[in-house]
Amino acid sequence: MKLQVYAPLISPRIKYIFNFMFTGVLGLDLEYPKSLAEFTQAEGPKLSYGKHPIPNSLFFKSAGLLTDRSIRRQKINTTVFGENQVPFAVEGSTLPFDPFSAAFYFLSRYEEYLPFDDRKDQGYRARLSLQYKLGLLEIPVIDEWAIILKNILHQHFPTLKFPRRNFSFKVAYSLNPEHQSLVRPLKKAFSFINHKIKEQFGGKIKEEQMTKIRQLIKKMEKDGHAAPPEFLLPNTQRRVNWQEKLNLPKSYIQLSAKNVAQDYSMYYSDTPGFRAGTCSPFFWYDLQMEKQSQLKIFPFAVSFAGIARGKKTNKDPMLLLDELIDHVKFVDGSFYSLWQHKIIALA
């Protein structure tokens, strides 16, 4: 059964974020009727999105971002929803905010296209983000909003079926080209990474913390949640940024021009958290071209650099790691973590 979605204008932004949340996260098939008359006559579950409600459909009010064709600083009103402060507040809607505009703003990294303070060549830092300011950085909030939408749809359309997602724990290691011989079993990789972390951060990560990390990953493997570890090497299919900071949209334009299919640089190097607001892989949306690209992004919740600098969050690094994993478990998502032995530049 398909979910019928109607908006007066099905813009590329609307189609992109609706497809991601409903199909990518929730596994639903969508259909976009070409006219209001076709939508009104359609049977089955129906959702409308715009400025005014449509009878016999679930209505979500648009905050306007998804029908805008420009990139400009937004005046974002916030409201309290549950325990969180959320952006793009609206009235007269199924929810007190526009989850689609909010999700698009985070997922597209809209704010990184705008001028920002880039002193010391640090790139875009976590503290500049709207998620950080609203206390949402450590939550895969888009996935949580999708779950909320799922519950609302189930209440209104109980015959609508949702496929089950399963939580997974994915560990990736990034290695220098000259260290390709180190792509060996997990036990040896841990020993190598442990040594390099101490070397890179001057012992700031204690052996006790590394032991807990090793135990955690082994436990996830034993429980059947962990995928085989991936060793990320520079080639034409995948990319991890090192000394070169992720600079949007420049970095992704360059990768797309080189026909790179996958990217593994969507994370903050100065703190753990969900830079794009999700724990689910997604295709990069090119705001300048106003279209979805073929570059698939795998968002990391944490890198070892972020854990090493976790004290900036005023939380114990291991406690923060556990909390991040719990948030991903809650939405049955994928917990991507990146462990690299040293920061190098890719050619």
C-alpha atoms as a PDB file:
ATOM      1  CA  MET A   1       0.000   0.000   0.000  1.00  0.00           C
ATOM      2  CA  LYS A   2       1.386   3.398  -1.015  1.00  0.00           C
ATOM      3  CA  LEU A   3       1.194   6.609   0.947  1.00  0.00           C
ATOM      4  CA  GLN A   4      -0.351   9.373  -1.174  1.00  0.00           C
ATOM      5  CA  VAL A   5       1.502  12.673  -0.740  1.00  0.00           C
ATOM      6  CA  TYR A   6       0.158  15.955  -2.033  1.00  0.00           C
ATOM      7  CA  ALA A   7       1.622  19.453  -2.054  1.00  0.00           C
ATOM      8  CA  PRO A   8       0.579  22.338  -4.341  1.00  0.00           C
ATOM      9  CA  LEU A   9       4.134  22.252  -5.667  1.00  0.00           C
ATOM     10  CA  ILE A  10       6.227  19.073  -5.445  1.00  0.00           C
ATOM     11  CA  SER A  11       9.595  20.783  -5.436  1.00  0.00           C
ATOM     12  CA  PRO A  12      12.889  18.859  -5.669  1.00  0.00           C
ATOM     13  CA  ARG A  13      13.480  19.634  -1.986  1.00  0.00           C
ATOM     14  CA  ILE A  14      10.107  18.191  -0.970  1.00  0.00           C
ATOM     15  CA  LYS A  15      10.599  15.040  -3.010  1.00  0.00           C
ATOM     16  CA  TYR A  16      14.112  14.575  -1.653  1.00  0.00           C
ATOM     17  CA  ILE A  17      13.293  14.822   2.056  1.00  0.00           C
ATOM     18  CA  PHE A  18       9.967  12.970   1.821  1.00  0.00           C
ATOM     19  CA  ASN A  19      11.655  10.119  -0.033  1.00  0.00           C
ATOM     20  CA  PHE A  20      14.441  10.001   2.550  1.00  0.00           C
ATOM     21  CA  MET A  21      12.205  10.006   5.636  1.00  0.00           C
ATOM     22  CA  PHE A  22       9.361   7.851   4.392  1.00  0.00           C
ATOM     23  CA  THR A  23      11.173   5.517   1.998  1.00  0.00           C
ATOM     24  CA  GLY A  24      14.784   5.608   3.165  1.00  0.00           C
ATOM     25  CA  VAL A  25      14.083   5.417   6.894  1.00  0.00           C
ATOM     26  CA  LEU A  26      10.571   3.973   7.165  1.00  0.00           C
ATOM     27  CA  GLY A  27      10.533   1.796   4.043  1.00  0.00           C
ATOM     28  CA  LEU A  28       7.255   3.126   2.634  1.00  0.00           C
ATOM     29  CA  ASP A  29       6.357   3.509  -1.017  1.00  0.00           C
ATOM     30  CA  LEU A  30       5.151   6.981  -1.945  1.00  0.00           C
ATOM     31  CA  GLU A  31       2.952   8.244  -4.719  1.00  0.00           C
ATOM     32  CA  TYR A  32       2.625  11.906  -5.704  1.00  0.00           C
ATOM     33  CA  PRO A  33      -0.768  12.635  -7.343  1.00  0.00           C
ATOM     34  CA  LYS A  34      -0.462  15.172 -10.151  1.00  0.00           C
ATOM     35  CA  SER A  35      -3.480  17.210  -9.122  1.00  0.00           C
ATOM     36  CA  LEU A  36      -5.616  18.016  -6.104  1.00  0.00           C
ATOM     37  CA  ALA A  37      -8.558  16.266  -7.741  1.00  0.00           C
ATOM     38  CA  GLU A  38      -6.523  13.085  -8.217  1.00  0.00           C
ATOM     39  CA  PHE A  39      -5.360  13.263  -4.592  1.00  0.00           C
ATOM     40  CA  THR A  40      -8.898  13.825  -3.291  1.00  0.00           C
ATOM     41  CA  GLN A  41     -10.259  10.853  -5.241  1.00  0.00           C
ATOM     42  CA  ALA A  42      -7.409   8.536  -4.260  1.00  0.00           C
ATOM     43  CA  GLU A  43      -8.091   5.835  -1.700  1.00  0.00           C
ATOM     44  CA  GLY A  44      -5.856   4.715   1.129  1.00  0.00           C
ATOM     45  CA  PRO A  45      -3.552   6.686   3.446  1.00  0.00           C
ATOM     46  CA  LYS A  46      -3.113  10.322   2.430  1.00  0.00           C
ATOM     47  CA  LEU A  47      -0.831  13.114   3.628  1.00  0.00           C
ATOM     48  CA  SER A  48      -0.937  16.740   2.538  1.00  0.00           C
ATOM     49  CA  TYR A  49       1.789  19.326   2.932  1.00  0.00           C
ATOM     50  CA  GLY A  50       1.315  23.018   2.341  1.00  0.00           C
ATOM     51  CA  LYS A  51      -0.172  26.144   3.877  1.00  0.00           C
ATOM     52  CA  HIS A  52      -3.757  24.928   4.180  1.00  0.00           C
ATOM     53  CA  PRO A  53      -5.271  21.568   5.194  1.00  0.00           C
ATOM     54  CA  ILE A  54      -7.105  19.315   2.781  1.00  0.00           C
ATOM     55  CA  PRO A  55     -10.136  17.337   3.994  1.00  0.00           C
ATOM     56  CA  ASN A  56      -9.680  13.626   4.706  1.00  0.00           C
ATOM     57  CA  SER A  57      -5.903  13.784   4.786  1.00  0.00           C
ATOM     58  CA  LEU A  58      -3.229  14.070   7.427  1.00  0.00           C
ATOM     59  CA  PHE A  59      -2.017  17.672   7.282  1.00  0.00           C
ATOM     60  CA  PHE A  60       1.471  19.032   7.912  1.00  0.00           C
ATOM     61  CA  LYS A  61       1.956  22.757   7.558  1.00  0.00           C
ATOM     62  CA  SER A  62       4.892  23.970   5.494  1.00  0.00           C
ATOM     63  CA  ALA A  63       7.313  26.505   6.972  1.00  0.00           C
ATOM     64  CA  GLY A  64       8.303  27.523   3.430  1.00  0.00           C
ATOM     65  CA  LEU A  65      11.898  26.296   3.224  1.00  0.00           C
ATOM     66  CA  LEU A  66      11.114  23.436   0.849  1.00  0.00           C
ATOM     67  CA  THR A  67       9.440  25.598  -1.772  1.00  0.00           C
ATOM     68  CA  ASP A  68      12.145  28.264  -1.648  1.00  0.00           C
ATOM     69  CA  ARG A  69      14.635  28.204  -4.519  1.00  0.00           C
ATOM     70  CA  SER A  70      17.339  30.305  -2.923  1.00  0.00           C
ATOM     71  CA  ILE A  71      20.061  29.769  -0.344  1.00  0.00           C
ATOM     72  CA  ARG A  72      19.769  32.471   2.272  1.00  0.00           C
ATOM     73  CA  ARG A  73      19.920  32.896   6.014  1.00  0.00           C
ATOM     74  CA  GLN A  74      16.633  31.680   7.442  1.00  0.00           C
ATOM     75  CA  LYS A  75      14.618  33.265  10.219  1.00  0.00           C
ATOM     76  CA  ILE A  76      13.975  30.098  12.206  1.00  0.00           C
ATOM     77  CA  ASN A  77      11.368  30.083  14.953  1.00  0.00           C
ATOM     78  CA  THR A  78      11.707  27.329  17.525  1.00  0.00           C
ATOM     79  CA  THR A  79       9.302  25.584  19.869  1.00  0.00           C
ATOM     80  CA  VAL A  80       9.382  22.862  22.494  1.00  0.00           C
ATOM     81  CA  PHE A  81       8.429  19.394  21.334  1.00  0.00           C
ATOM     82  CA  GLY A  82       8.660  16.627  23.895  1.00  0.00           C
ATOM     83  CA  GLU A  83      11.946  17.159  25.726  1.00  0.00           C
ATOM     84  CA  ASN A  84      13.621  19.023  22.883  1.00  0.00           C
ATOM     85  CA  GLN A  85      13.748  22.467  21.354  1.00  0.00           C
ATOM     86  CA  VAL A  86      12.962  22.090  17.652  1.00  0.00           C
ATOM     87  CA  PRO A  87      13.184  24.491  14.676  1.00  0.00           C
ATOM     88  CA  PHE A  88      10.640  25.657  12.105  1.00  0.00           C
ATOM     89  CA  ALA A  89       7.705  26.126  14.477  1.00  0.00           C
ATOM     90  CA  VAL A  90       4.253  26.237  12.855  1.00  0.00           C
ATOM     91  CA  GLU A  91       0.649  26.445  14.014  1.00  0.00           C
ATOM     92  CA  GLY A  92      -2.456  24.573  12.915  1.00  0.00           C
ATOM     93  CA  SER A  93      -0.556  21.431  11.931  1.00  0.00           C
ATOM     94  CA  THR A  94      -0.391  17.801  13.045  1.00  0.00           C
ATOM     95  CA  LEU A  95       2.905  18.674  14.756  1.00  0.00           C
ATOM     96  CA  PRO A  96       3.891  22.042  16.281  1.00  0.00           C
ATOM     97  CA  PHE A  97       6.844  22.259  13.887  1.00  0.00           C
ATOM     98  CA  ASP A  98       7.609  21.383  10.282  1.00  0.00           C
ATOM     99  CA  PRO A  99       9.682  18.162  10.543  1.00  0.00           C
ATOM    100  CA  PHE A 100      10.357  18.122   6.807  1.00  0.00           C
ATOM    101  CA  SER A 101      11.864  21.605   6.660  1.00  0.00           C
ATOM    102  CA  ALA A 102      13.864  20.874   9.806  1.00  0.00           C
ATOM    103  CA  ALA A 103      15.108  17.552   8.453  1.00  0.00           C
ATOM    104  CA  PHE A 104      16.056  19.097   5.109  1.00  0.00           C
ATOM    105  CA  TYR A 105      17.916  21.932   6.820  1.00  0.00           C
ATOM    106  CA  PHE A 106      20.043  19.442   8.770  1.00  0.00           C
ATOM    107  CA  LEU A 107      20.468  16.759   6.108  1.00  0.00           C
ATOM    108  CA  SER A 108      21.443  19.130   3.294  1.00  0.00           C
ATOM    109  CA  ARG A 109      23.816  20.957   5.678  1.00  0.00           C
ATOM    110  CA  TYR A 110      22.062  24.120   4.559  1.00  0.00           C
ATOM    111  CA  GLU A 111      23.770  26.283   7.179  1.00  0.00           C
ATOM    112  CA  GLU A 112      27.227  25.305   5.873  1.00  0.00           C
ATOM    113  CA  TYR A 113      26.460  27.056   2.584  1.00  0.00           C
ATOM    114  CA  LEU A 114      26.057  30.333   4.457  1.00  0.00           C
ATOM    115  CA  PRO A 115      28.927  32.619   5.538  1.00  0.00           C
ATOM    116  CA  PHE A 116      30.374  31.577   8.897  1.00  0.00           C
ATOM    117  CA  ASP A 117      33.318  32.332  11.150  1.00  0.00           C
ATOM    118  CA  ASP A 118      36.177  30.176   9.873  1.00  0.00           C
ATOM    119  CA  ARG A 119      39.075  31.605  11.850  1.00  0.00           C
ATOM    120  CA  LYS A 120      42.202  29.461  12.190  1.00  0.00           C
ATOM    121  CA  ASP A 121      41.143  27.466   9.157  1.00  0.00           C
ATOM    122  CA  GLN A 122      39.150  25.077  11.322  1.00  0.00           C
ATOM    123  CA  GLY A 123      36.349  24.594   8.862  1.00  0.00           C
ATOM    124  CA  TYR A 124      32.759  24.354  10.022  1.00  0.00           C
ATOM    125  CA  ARG A 125      32.758  23.512  13.707  1.00  0.00           C
ATOM    126  CA  ALA A 126      30.102  21.731  15.714  1.00  0.00           C
ATOM    127  CA  ARG A 127      29.391  24.699  17.979  1.00  0.00           C
ATOM    128  CA  LEU A 128      28.264  26.747  14.953  1.00  0.00           C
ATOM    129  CA  SER A 129      25.508  24.295  14.055  1.00  0.00           C
ATOM    130  CA  LEU A 130      21.838  24.713  14.869  1.00  0.00           C
ATOM    131  CA  GLN A 131      21.781  21.173  16.292  1.00  0.00           C
ATOM    132  CA  TYR A 132      24.448  22.141  18.816  1.00  0.00           C
ATOM    133  CA  LYS A 133      22.606  25.321  19.804  1.00  0.00           C
ATOM    134  CA  LEU A 134      19.335  23.415  20.294  1.00  0.00           C
ATOM    135  CA  GLY A 135      20.961  20.487  22.110  1.00  0.00           C
ATOM    136  CA  LEU A 136      20.205  18.057  19.270  1.00  0.00           C
ATOM    137  CA  LEU A 137      23.709  17.221  18.068  1.00  0.00           C
ATOM    138  CA  GLU A 138      23.983  13.966  19.999  1.00  0.00           C
ATOM    139  CA  ILE A 139      20.635  12.663  18.690  1.00  0.00           C
ATOM    140  CA  PRO A 140      19.877  11.189  15.231  1.00  0.00           C
ATOM    141  CA  VAL A 141      16.935  13.532  15.357  1.00  0.00           C
ATOM    142  CA  ILE A 142      15.751  13.048  11.774  1.00  0.00           C
ATOM    143  CA  ASP A 143      15.373   9.308  12.390  1.00  0.00           C
ATOM    144  CA  GLU A 144      13.492  10.064  15.613  1.00  0.00           C
ATOM    145  CA  TRP A 145      11.143  12.404  13.758  1.00  0.00           C
ATOM    146  CA  ALA A 146      10.593   9.680  11.169  1.00  0.00           C
ATOM    147  CA  ILE A 147       9.602   7.273  13.960  1.00  0.00           C
ATOM    148  CA  ILE A 148       7.152   9.868  15.275  1.00  0.00           C
ATOM    149  CA  LEU A 149       5.668  10.207  11.786  1.00  0.00           C
ATOM    150  CA  LYS A 150       5.414   6.422  11.632  1.00  0.00           C
ATOM    151  CA  ASN A 151       3.430   6.339  14.884  1.00  0.00           C
ATOM    152  CA  ILE A 152       1.112   9.111  13.694  1.00  0.00           C
ATOM    153  CA  LEU A 153       0.500   7.339  10.390  1.00  0.00           C
ATOM    154  CA  HIS A 154      -0.149   4.058  12.169  1.00  0.00           C
ATOM    155  CA  GLN A 155      -2.764   5.731  14.387  1.00  0.00           C
ATOM    156  CA  HIS A 156      -4.588   7.241  11.419  1.00  0.00           C
ATOM    157  CA  PHE A 157      -4.035   4.418   8.932  1.00  0.00           C
ATOM    158  CA  PRO A 158      -3.675   1.147  10.871  1.00  0.00           C
ATOM    159  CA  THR A 159      -3.568  -0.925   7.679  1.00  0.00           C
ATOM    160  CA  LEU A 160      -0.363   0.779   6.545  1.00  0.00           C
ATOM    161  CA  LYS A 161       2.529  -1.678   6.933  1.00  0.00           C
ATOM    162  CA  PHE A 162       6.088  -0.708   7.808  1.00  0.00           C
ATOM    163  CA  PRO A 163       9.046  -3.032   7.200  1.00  0.00           C
ATOM    164  CA  ARG A 164      11.255  -3.587  10.218  1.00  0.00           C
ATOM    165  CA  ARG A 165      14.681  -1.979  10.512  1.00  0.00           C
ATOM    166  CA  ASN A 166      17.405  -3.659  12.535  1.00  0.00           C
ATOM    167  CA  PHE A 167      20.041  -1.904  14.591  1.00  0.00           C
ATOM    168  CA  SER A 168      23.590  -2.460  13.396  1.00  0.00           C
ATOM    169  CA  PHE A 169      26.992  -1.455  14.704  1.00  0.00           C
ATOM    170  CA  LYS A 170      29.480  -0.652  11.942  1.00  0.00           C
ATOM    171  CA  VAL A 171      33.156  -0.148  12.669  1.00  0.00           C
ATOM    172  CA  ALA A 172      35.470   1.423  10.107  1.00  0.00           C
ATOM    173  CA  TYR A 173      39.227   1.851  10.159  1.00  0.00           C
ATOM    174  CA  SER A 174      41.097   4.288   7.987  1.00  0.00           C
ATOM    175  CA  LEU A 175      44.642   3.383   7.022  1.00  0.00           C
ATOM    176  CA  ASN A 176      47.492   5.091   5.251  1.00  0.00           C
ATOM    177  CA  PRO A 177      48.284   3.562   1.811  1.00  0.00           C
ATOM    178  CA  GLU A 178      51.657   2.360   3.061  1.00  0.00           C
ATOM    179  CA  HIS A 179      49.911   0.486   5.852  1.00  0.00           C
ATOM    180  CA  GLN A 180      47.663  -1.653   3.645  1.00  0.00           C
ATOM    181  CA  SER A 181      49.473  -4.721   4.984  1.00  0.00           C
ATOM    182  CA  LEU A 182      47.840  -3.952   8.315  1.00  0.00           C
ATOM    183  CA  VAL A 183      44.392  -4.904   7.008  1.00  0.00           C
ATOM    184  CA  ARG A 184      44.265  -8.005   9.207  1.00  0.00           C
ATOM    185  CA  PRO A 185      41.954  -9.554  11.769  1.00  0.00           C
ATOM    186  CA  LEU A 186      40.231  -7.281  14.265  1.00  0.00           C
ATOM    187  CA  LYS A 187      42.467  -8.198  17.198  1.00  0.00           C
ATOM    188  CA  LYS A 188      45.636  -6.965  15.474  1.00  0.00           C
ATOM    189  CA  ALA A 189      43.889  -3.823  14.232  1.00  0.00           C
ATOM    190  CA  PHE A 190      42.892  -2.920  17.776  1.00  0.00           C
ATOM    191  CA  SER A 191      46.458  -3.285  18.988  1.00  0.00           C
ATOM    192  CA  PHE A 192      47.700  -1.054  16.183  1.00  0.00           C
ATOM    193  CA  ILE A 193      45.001   1.590  16.661  1.00  0.00           C
ATOM    194  CA  ASN A 194      45.541   1.621  20.422  1.00  0.00           C
ATOM    195  CA  HIS A 195      49.234   2.413  19.944  1.00  0.00           C
ATOM    196  CA  LYS A 196      48.585   5.120  17.360  1.00  0.00           C
ATOM    197  CA  ILE A 197      45.879   6.813  19.419  1.00  0.00           C
ATOM    198  CA  LYS A 198      48.278   7.118  22.325  1.00  0.00           C
ATOM    199  CA  GLU A 199      50.950   8.428  19.967  1.00  0.00           C
ATOM    200  CA  GLN A 200      48.646  10.989  18.346  1.00  0.00           C
ATOM    201  CA  PHE A 201      47.038  12.327  21.515  1.00  0.00           C
ATOM    202  CA  GLY A 202      49.893  11.937  23.960  1.00  0.00           C
ATOM    203  CA  GLY A 203      48.104   9.385  26.077  1.00  0.00           C
ATOM    204  CA  LYS A 204      44.945  11.470  26.479  1.00  0.00           C
ATOM    205  CA  ILE A 205      42.910   8.341  25.835  1.00  0.00           C
ATOM    206  CA  LYS A 206      43.593   6.038  28.732  1.00  0.00           C
ATOM    207  CA  GLU A 207      44.154   2.325  28.361  1.00  0.00           C
ATOM    208  CA  GLU A 208      41.017   1.799  30.442  1.00  0.00           C
ATOM    209  CA  GLN A 209      38.946   3.693  27.863  1.00  0.00           C
ATOM    210  CA  MET A 210      40.443   1.764  24.946  1.00  0.00           C
ATOM    211  CA  THR A 211      39.746  -1.488  26.770  1.00  0.00           C
ATOM    212  CA  LYS A 212      36.106  -0.458  27.142  1.00  0.00           C
ATOM    213  CA  ILE A 213      35.934   0.421  23.446  1.00  0.00           C
ATOM    214  CA  ARG A 214      37.380  -2.962  22.493  1.00  0.00           C
ATOM    215  CA  GLN A 215      34.994  -4.746  24.852  1.00  0.00           C
ATOM    216  CA  LEU A 216      32.053  -2.790  23.479  1.00  0.00           C
ATOM    217  CA  ILE A 217      32.804  -3.660  19.853  1.00  0.00           C
ATOM    218  CA  LYS A 218      33.433  -7.320  20.721  1.00  0.00           C
ATOM    219  CA  LYS A 219      30.126  -7.428  22.598  1.00  0.00           C
ATOM    220  CA  MET A 220      28.290  -5.960  19.619  1.00  0.00           C
ATOM    221  CA  GLU A 221      29.864  -8.613  17.392  1.00  0.00           C
ATOM    222  CA  LYS A 222      28.885 -11.362  19.809  1.00  0.00           C
ATOM    223  CA  ASP A 223      25.313 -10.083  19.916  1.00  0.00           C
ATOM    224  CA  GLY A 224      25.216 -10.234  16.131  1.00  0.00           C
ATOM    225  CA  HIS A 225      24.826  -6.476  15.633  1.00  0.00           C
ATOM    226  CA  ALA A 226      28.228  -5.614  14.274  1.00  0.00           C
ATOM    227  CA  ALA A 227      29.083  -5.762  10.608  1.00  0.00           C
ATOM    228  CA  PRO A 228      32.575  -6.880   9.572  1.00  0.00           C
ATOM    229  CA  PRO A 229      35.029  -4.023  10.093  1.00  0.00           C
ATOM    230  CA  GLU A 230      35.654  -1.899   7.036  1.00  0.00           C
ATOM    231  CA  PHE A 231      39.132  -0.604   6.267  1.00  0.00           C
ATOM    232  CA  LEU A 232      38.786   2.684   4.447  1.00  0.00           C
ATOM    233  CA  LEU A 233      41.495   3.277   1.907  1.00  0.00           C
ATOM    234  CA  PRO A 234      41.740   6.154  -0.593  1.00  0.00           C
ATOM    235  CA  ASN A 235      40.395   5.027  -3.945  1.00  0.00           C
ATOM    236  CA  THR A 236      37.759   6.069  -6.442  1.00  0.00           C
ATOM    237  CA  GLN A 237      34.852   4.641  -4.467  1.00  0.00           C
ATOM    238  CA  ARG A 238      35.239   5.986  -0.960  1.00  0.00           C
ATOM    239  CA  ARG A 239      36.756   8.959   0.722  1.00  0.00           C
ATOM    240  CA  VAL A 240      37.683  10.118   4.201  1.00  0.00           C
ATOM    241  CA  ASN A 241      38.845  13.673   4.663  1.00  0.00           C
ATOM    242  CA  TRP A 242      41.985  14.049   6.735  1.00  0.00           C
ATOM    243  CA  GLN A 243      43.841  17.321   7.096  1.00  0.00           C
ATOM    244  CA  GLU A 244      41.531  18.828   4.512  1.00  0.00           C
ATOM    245  CA  LYS A 245      38.356  19.740   6.387  1.00  0.00           C
ATOM    246  CA  LEU A 246      34.969  18.875   4.936  1.00  0.00           C
ATOM    247  CA  ASN A 247      34.103  22.097   3.168  1.00  0.00           C
ATOM    248  CA  LEU A 248      30.606  22.196   1.721  1.00  0.00           C
ATOM    249  CA  PRO A 249      29.739  22.352  -1.057  1.00  0.00           C
ATOM    250  CA  LYS A 250      33.290  22.428  -2.453  1.00  0.00           C
ATOM    251  CA  SER A 251      34.371  19.020  -1.091  1.00  0.00           C
ATOM    252  CA  TYR A 252      31.346  17.177  -2.424  1.00  0.00           C
ATOM    253  CA  ILE A 253      31.400  18.944  -5.779  1.00  0.00           C
ATOM    254  CA  GLN A 254      34.976  17.747  -6.217  1.00  0.00           C
ATOM    255  CA  LEU A 255      34.089  14.179  -5.240  1.00  0.00           C
ATOM    256  CA  SER A 256      31.105  14.140  -7.594  1.00  0.00           C
ATOM    257  CA  ALA A 257      33.272  15.432 -10.441  1.00  0.00           C
ATOM    258  CA  LYS A 258      35.621  12.491  -9.839  1.00  0.00           C
ATOM    259  CA  ASN A 259      32.666  10.069  -9.890  1.00  0.00           C
ATOM    260  CA  VAL A 260      33.270   9.058  -6.289  1.00  0.00           C
ATOM    261  CA  ALA A 261      30.296   6.950  -5.226  1.00  0.00           C
ATOM    262  CA  GLN A 262      30.611   6.988  -1.436  1.00  0.00           C
ATOM    263  CA  ASP A 263      31.782   9.461   1.177  1.00  0.00           C
ATOM    264  CA  TYR A 264      32.785   8.845   4.801  1.00  0.00           C
ATOM    265  CA  SER A 265      33.597  12.358   5.975  1.00  0.00           C
ATOM    266  CA  MET A 266      30.251  13.451   7.443  1.00  0.00           C
ATOM    267  CA  TYR A 267      31.267  13.936  11.063  1.00  0.00           C
ATOM    268  CA  TYR A 268      32.824  16.564  13.310  1.00  0.00           C
ATOM    269  CA  SER A 269      36.450  15.997  14.223  1.00  0.00           C
ATOM    270  CA  ASP A 270      36.151  18.076  17.400  1.00  0.00           C
ATOM    271  CA  THR A 271      33.225  16.305  19.040  1.00  0.00           C
ATOM    272  CA  PRO A 272      30.996  13.223  18.676  1.00  0.00           C
ATOM    273  CA  GLY A 273      27.522  13.716  17.266  1.00  0.00           C
ATOM    274  CA  PHE A 274      25.354  13.539  14.153  1.00  0.00           C
ATOM    275  CA  ARG A 275      26.526  16.315  11.843  1.00  0.00           C
ATOM    276  CA  ALA A 276      23.692  15.710   9.359  1.00  0.00           C
ATOM    277  CA  GLY A 277      21.138  14.822  12.042  1.00  0.00           C
ATOM    278  CA  THR A 278      20.820  11.187  10.974  1.00  0.00           C
ATOM    279  CA  CYS A 279      22.315   7.741  11.504  1.00  0.00           C
ATOM    280  CA  SER A 280      21.067   6.529   8.110  1.00  0.00           C
ATOM    281  CA  PRO A 281      23.023   6.683   4.831  1.00  0.00           C
ATOM    282  CA  PHE A 282      21.712   9.295   2.406  1.00  0.00           C
ATOM    283  CA  PHE A 283      22.450  10.850  -0.963  1.00  0.00           C
ATOM    284  CA  TRP A 284      23.917  14.334  -0.909  1.00  0.00           C
ATOM    285  CA  TYR A 285      21.533  17.053  -2.038  1.00  0.00           C
ATOM    286  CA  ASP A 286      23.298  19.696  -4.123  1.00  0.00           C
ATOM    287  CA  LEU A 287      21.645  22.948  -3.039  1.00  0.00           C
ATOM    288  CA  GLN A 288      23.302  24.953  -5.791  1.00  0.00           C
ATOM    289  CA  MET A 289      21.957  22.657  -8.501  1.00  0.00           C
ATOM    290  CA  GLU A 290      18.754  21.936  -6.539  1.00  0.00           C
ATOM    291  CA  LYS A 291      18.894  18.195  -7.097  1.00  0.00           C
ATOM    292  CA  GLN A 292      19.894  14.941  -5.446  1.00  0.00           C
ATOM    293  CA  SER A 293      23.357  13.737  -6.412  1.00  0.00           C
ATOM    294  CA  GLN A 294      24.685  10.179  -6.801  1.00  0.00           C
ATOM    295  CA  LEU A 295      27.154  10.647  -3.925  1.00  0.00           C
ATOM    296  CA  LYS A 296      26.078   8.445  -1.025  1.00  0.00           C
ATOM    297  CA  ILE A 297      27.004   9.707   2.435  1.00  0.00           C
ATOM    298  CA  PHE A 298      27.671   7.371   5.351  1.00  0.00           C
ATOM    299  CA  PRO A 299      27.382   9.534   8.490  1.00  0.00           C
ATOM    300  CA  PHE A 300      29.617   8.735  11.455  1.00  0.00           C
ATOM    301  CA  ALA A 301      28.394   9.293  14.993  1.00  0.00           C
ATOM    302  CA  VAL A 302      31.915   9.320  16.347  1.00  0.00           C
ATOM    303  CA  SER A 303      35.567   9.219  15.353  1.00  0.00           C
ATOM    304  CA  PHE A 304      38.413   8.523  17.707  1.00  0.00           C
ATOM    305  CA  ALA A 305      39.408  12.180  17.465  1.00  0.00           C
ATOM    306  CA  GLY A 306      35.937  13.170  18.635  1.00  0.00           C
ATOM    307  CA  ILE A 307      36.131  10.748  21.561  1.00  0.00           C
ATOM    308  CA  ALA A 308      39.607  12.026  22.481  1.00  0.00           C
ATOM    309  CA  ARG A 309      38.248  15.554  22.589  1.00  0.00           C
ATOM    310  CA  GLY A 310      34.993  14.485  24.217  1.00  0.00           C
ATOM    311  CA  LYS A 311      35.878  16.345  27.395  1.00  0.00           C
ATOM    312  CA  LYS A 312      34.736  19.471  25.561  1.00  0.00           C
ATOM    313  CA  THR A 313      31.187  18.171  25.928  1.00  0.00           C
ATOM    314  CA  ASN A 314      31.614  17.952  29.744  1.00  0.00           C
ATOM    315  CA  LYS A 315      30.788  14.248  29.574  1.00  0.00           C
ATOM    316  CA  ASP A 316      32.911  11.204  30.127  1.00  0.00           C
ATOM    317  CA  PRO A 317      33.841   9.962  26.628  1.00  0.00           C
ATOM    318  CA  MET A 318      32.703   6.410  27.300  1.00  0.00           C
ATOM    319  CA  LEU A 319      29.408   7.564  28.827  1.00  0.00           C
ATOM    320  CA  LEU A 320      28.818   9.742  25.769  1.00  0.00           C
ATOM    321  CA  LEU A 321      29.586   6.813  23.464  1.00  0.00           C
ATOM    322  CA  ASP A 322      27.035   4.653  25.291  1.00  0.00           C
ATOM    323  CA  GLU A 323      24.420   7.414  25.017  1.00  0.00           C
ATOM    324  CA  LEU A 324      25.020   7.828  21.292  1.00  0.00           C
ATOM    325  CA  ILE A 325      24.616   4.080  20.758  1.00  0.00           C
ATOM    326  CA  ASP A 326      21.392   4.049  22.794  1.00  0.00           C
ATOM    327  CA  HIS A 327      19.966   6.833  20.607  1.00  0.00           C
ATOM    328  CA  VAL A 328      20.741   4.819  17.462  1.00  0.00           C
ATOM    329  CA  LYS A 329      19.295   1.636  18.987  1.00  0.00           C
ATOM    330  CA  PHE A 330      16.093   3.532  19.722  1.00  0.00           C
ATOM    331  CA  VAL A 331      15.523   4.187  16.016  1.00  0.00           C
ATOM    332  CA  ASP A 332      16.912   0.799  14.872  1.00  0.00           C
ATOM    333  CA  GLY A 333      19.558   2.646  12.891  1.00  0.00           C
ATOM    334  CA  SER A 334      23.209   2.045  12.042  1.00  0.00           C
ATOM    335  CA  PHE A 335      25.907   3.237  14.419  1.00  0.00           C
ATOM    336  CA  TYR A 336      28.905   4.208  12.284  1.00  0.00           C
ATOM    337  CA  SER A 337      32.171   4.772  14.141  1.00  0.00           C
ATOM    338  CA  LEU A 338      35.503   5.694  12.594  1.00  0.00           C
ATOM    339  CA  TRP A 339      38.884   4.815  14.064  1.00  0.00           C
ATOM    340  CA  GLN A 340      41.938   6.179  12.320  1.00  0.00           C
ATOM    341  CA  HIS A 341      45.558   5.871  13.337  1.00  0.00           C
ATOM    342  CA  LYS A 342      46.762   9.259  12.205  1.00  0.00           C
ATOM    343  CA  ILE A 343      45.647  12.272  10.199  1.00  0.00           C
ATOM    344  CA  ILE A 344      47.049  12.361   6.682  1.00  0.00           C
ATOM    345  CA  ALA A 345      46.148  14.109   3.437  1.00  0.00           C
ATOM    346  CA  LEU A 346      44.768  12.153   0.525  1.00  0.00           C
ATOM    347  CA  ALA A 347      46.281  12.816  -2.846  1.00  0.00           C
END
